[in-house]
Amino acid sequence: MYVVKKVPRAKRAEPDKYGETKQRYQIMLTETASLELDRVAEILLITRSELIEQVIRQGLLEKVVLLEESA
């Protein structure tokens, strides 16, 4: 038997701390990437969604260098 504690959900229609309402999007990740996302979010005590939001807003995506795949 599992016990689940009910926690009230935030109202999605209200702007968050960024002054915008969040929308639901779907992305596909490998299991490795998903586990790493979970690991880092857990260390920082934030949600996966908030981790992705902060990475994007801090401009870290612009610093990513894509490695060329060898043919």
N, C-alpha and C. Protein backbone atom coordinates (compact mmCIF):
# COMPACT_ATOMS: atom_id res chain seq x y z
N MET A 1 0.84 -1.17 0.00
CA MET A 1 0.00 0.00 0.00
C MET A 1 0.89 1.24 0.00
N TYR A 2 0.52 2.22 -0.80
CA TYR A 2 1.25 3.48 -0.89
C TYR A 2 0.44 4.59 -0.24
N VAL A 3 1.13 5.47 0.47
CA VAL A 3 0.49 6.63 1.07
C VAL A 3 0.97 7.85 0.31
N VAL A 4 0.05 8.64 -0.18
CA VAL A 4 0.38 9.83 -0.94
C VAL A 4 -0.19 11.04 -0.23
N LYS A 5 0.65 12.01 0.03
CA LYS A 5 0.20 13.23 0.67
C LYS A 5 -0.26 14.22 -0.39
N LYS A 6 -1.46 14.73 -0.23
CA LYS A 6 -1.99 15.70 -1.18
C LYS A 6 -1.42 17.07 -0.87
N VAL A 7 -0.91 17.72 -1.90
CA VAL A 7 -0.36 19.07 -1.77
C VAL A 7 -1.08 19.94 -2.78
N PRO A 8 -1.58 21.10 -2.36
CA PRO A 8 -2.28 21.96 -3.32
C PRO A 8 -1.35 22.40 -4.44
N ARG A 9 -1.82 22.34 -5.67
CA ARG A 9 -1.05 22.77 -6.83
C ARG A 9 -1.13 24.27 -6.99
N ALA A 10 -0.05 24.82 -7.49
CA ALA A 10 -0.06 26.25 -7.80
C ALA A 10 -1.00 26.47 -8.97
N LYS A 11 -1.65 27.61 -8.99
CA LYS A 11 -2.53 27.93 -10.10
C LYS A 11 -1.69 28.26 -11.32
N ARG A 12 -1.86 27.52 -12.39
CA ARG A 12 -1.03 27.70 -13.58
C ARG A 12 -1.36 28.97 -14.35
N ALA A 13 -2.54 29.52 -14.13
CA ALA A 13 -2.95 30.69 -14.90
C ALA A 13 -2.33 31.99 -14.37
N GLU A 14 -1.68 31.92 -13.20
CA GLU A 14 -1.10 33.12 -12.62
C GLU A 14 0.37 33.25 -13.00
N PRO A 15 0.83 34.46 -13.27
CA PRO A 15 2.25 34.67 -13.58
C PRO A 15 3.13 34.21 -12.43
N ASP A 16 4.29 33.62 -12.76
CA ASP A 16 5.21 33.16 -11.73
C ASP A 16 6.22 34.26 -11.42
N LYS A 17 7.32 33.91 -10.79
CA LYS A 17 8.31 34.91 -10.38
C LYS A 17 8.98 35.59 -11.56
N TYR A 18 8.84 35.05 -12.75
CA TYR A 18 9.41 35.67 -13.94
C TYR A 18 8.41 36.59 -14.63
N GLY A 19 7.21 36.70 -14.07
CA GLY A 19 6.20 37.58 -14.64
C GLY A 19 5.47 36.98 -15.83
N GLU A 20 5.61 35.69 -16.03
CA GLU A 20 4.96 34.99 -17.14
C GLU A 20 4.25 33.77 -16.61
N THR A 21 3.23 33.32 -17.33
CA THR A 21 2.61 32.05 -16.98
C THR A 21 3.37 30.94 -17.69
N LYS A 22 3.55 29.83 -17.00
CA LYS A 22 4.26 28.70 -17.59
C LYS A 22 3.31 27.89 -18.46
N GLN A 23 3.85 27.37 -19.53
CA GLN A 23 3.12 26.50 -20.44
C GLN A 23 3.71 25.11 -20.36
N ARG A 24 2.93 24.11 -20.69
CA ARG A 24 3.41 22.74 -20.69
C ARG A 24 4.03 22.44 -22.05
N TYR A 25 5.26 21.91 -22.03
CA TYR A 25 5.96 21.49 -23.24
C TYR A 25 6.49 20.09 -23.02
N GLN A 26 6.66 19.39 -24.09
CA GLN A 26 7.19 18.03 -24.01
C GLN A 26 8.54 17.99 -24.71
N ILE A 27 9.55 17.43 -24.03
CA ILE A 27 10.86 17.25 -24.65
C ILE A 27 11.24 15.78 -24.51
N MET A 28 12.12 15.34 -25.37
CA MET A 28 12.59 13.96 -25.31
C MET A 28 14.05 13.96 -24.91
N LEU A 29 14.39 13.11 -23.92
CA LEU A 29 15.75 12.99 -23.42
C LEU A 29 16.13 11.52 -23.35
N THR A 30 17.42 11.26 -23.39
CA THR A 30 17.87 9.90 -23.11
C THR A 30 17.70 9.65 -21.62
N GLU A 31 17.75 8.41 -21.23
CA GLU A 31 17.62 8.08 -19.81
C GLU A 31 18.78 8.71 -19.03
N THR A 32 19.97 8.69 -19.61
CA THR A 32 21.13 9.28 -18.95
C THR A 32 20.92 10.77 -18.68
N ALA A 33 20.46 11.51 -19.68
CA ALA A 33 20.22 12.94 -19.52
C ALA A 33 19.12 13.20 -18.49
N SER A 34 18.08 12.40 -18.51
CA SER A 34 16.98 12.56 -17.57
C SER A 34 17.45 12.32 -16.13
N LEU A 35 18.26 11.29 -15.93
CA LEU A 35 18.78 11.00 -14.60
C LEU A 35 19.70 12.12 -14.11
N GLU A 36 20.50 12.68 -15.01
CA GLU A 36 21.39 13.77 -14.65
C GLU A 36 20.59 15.03 -14.30
N LEU A 37 19.55 15.29 -15.05
CA LEU A 37 18.66 16.42 -14.76
C LEU A 37 18.04 16.25 -13.37
N ASP A 38 17.58 15.06 -13.07
CA ASP A 38 17.02 14.77 -11.74
C ASP A 38 18.07 14.96 -10.64
N ARG A 39 19.27 14.46 -10.88
CA ARG A 39 20.35 14.52 -9.89
C ARG A 39 20.70 15.97 -9.54
N VAL A 40 20.89 16.78 -10.56
CA VAL A 40 21.26 18.18 -10.34
C VAL A 40 20.12 18.96 -9.69
N ALA A 41 18.90 18.74 -10.15
CA ALA A 41 17.74 19.42 -9.56
C ALA A 41 17.59 19.06 -8.08
N GLU A 42 17.84 17.79 -7.76
CA GLU A 42 17.74 17.36 -6.36
C GLU A 42 18.81 18.02 -5.50
N ILE A 43 20.03 18.12 -6.01
CA ILE A 43 21.11 18.77 -5.27
C ILE A 43 20.75 20.23 -4.99
N LEU A 44 20.19 20.91 -5.99
CA LEU A 44 19.85 22.32 -5.87
C LEU A 44 18.51 22.57 -5.17
N LEU A 45 17.79 21.48 -4.87
CA LEU A 45 16.47 21.56 -4.22
C LEU A 45 15.47 22.37 -5.03
N ILE A 46 15.49 22.15 -6.34
CA ILE A 46 14.53 22.79 -7.24
C ILE A 46 13.95 21.73 -8.16
N THR A 47 12.89 22.07 -8.87
CA THR A 47 12.28 21.12 -9.80
C THR A 47 13.09 21.06 -11.09
N ARG A 48 12.85 20.02 -11.86
CA ARG A 48 13.48 19.90 -13.18
C ARG A 48 13.12 21.09 -14.04
N SER A 49 11.87 21.49 -13.98
CA SER A 49 11.39 22.62 -14.76
C SER A 49 12.14 23.90 -14.39
N GLU A 50 12.31 24.13 -13.10
CA GLU A 50 13.00 25.33 -12.64
C GLU A 50 14.48 25.29 -13.03
N LEU A 51 15.10 24.12 -12.99
CA LEU A 51 16.49 23.98 -13.41
C LEU A 51 16.65 24.38 -14.87
N ILE A 52 15.79 23.86 -15.72
CA ILE A 52 15.85 24.19 -17.15
C ILE A 52 15.60 25.68 -17.35
N GLU A 53 14.62 26.24 -16.65
CA GLU A 53 14.31 27.67 -16.74
C GLU A 53 15.53 28.52 -16.39
N GLN A 54 16.21 28.18 -15.29
CA GLN A 54 17.36 28.96 -14.85
C GLN A 54 18.54 28.84 -15.80
N VAL A 55 18.78 27.64 -16.32
CA VAL A 55 19.87 27.45 -17.27
C VAL A 55 19.65 28.32 -18.50
N ILE A 56 18.44 28.33 -19.01
CA ILE A 56 18.13 29.13 -20.20
C ILE A 56 18.23 30.62 -19.89
N ARG A 57 17.67 31.06 -18.78
CA ARG A 57 17.65 32.48 -18.44
C ARG A 57 19.04 33.03 -18.11
N GLN A 58 19.96 32.18 -17.68
CA GLN A 58 21.32 32.63 -17.38
C GLN A 58 22.21 32.64 -18.62
N GLY A 59 21.62 32.28 -19.75
CA GLY A 59 22.39 32.31 -21.00
C GLY A 59 23.37 31.16 -21.15
N LEU A 60 23.22 30.12 -20.35
CA LEU A 60 24.17 29.01 -20.42
C LEU A 60 24.06 28.22 -21.71
N LEU A 61 22.90 28.23 -22.35
CA LEU A 61 22.76 27.51 -23.61
C LEU A 61 23.64 28.13 -24.69
N GLU A 62 23.86 29.43 -24.61
CA GLU A 62 24.71 30.10 -25.60
C GLU A 62 26.17 29.71 -25.45
N LYS A 63 26.55 29.16 -24.30
CA LYS A 63 27.94 28.78 -24.05
C LYS A 63 28.21 27.32 -24.39
N VAL A 64 27.18 26.61 -24.82
CA VAL A 64 27.34 25.20 -25.16
C VAL A 64 28.01 25.09 -26.53
N VAL A 65 29.04 24.25 -26.59
CA VAL A 65 29.73 24.01 -27.85
C VAL A 65 29.35 22.62 -28.30
N LEU A 66 28.78 22.52 -29.49
CA LEU A 66 28.40 21.21 -30.01
C LEU A 66 29.61 20.55 -30.64
N LEU A 67 29.83 19.31 -30.26
CA LEU A 67 30.94 18.55 -30.83
C LEU A 67 30.50 17.92 -32.14
N GLU A 68 31.35 18.00 -33.13
CA GLU A 68 31.04 17.39 -34.43
C GLU A 68 31.09 15.88 -34.28
N GLU A 69 30.09 15.19 -34.80
CA GLU A 69 30.10 13.72 -34.77
C GLU A 69 30.99 13.24 -35.89
N SER A 70 31.85 12.25 -35.57
CA SER A 70 32.72 11.70 -36.62
C SER A 70 31.90 10.77 -37.49
N ALA A 71 32.11 10.88 -38.80
CA ALA A 71 31.33 10.08 -39.75
C ALA A 71 31.89 8.70 -39.91
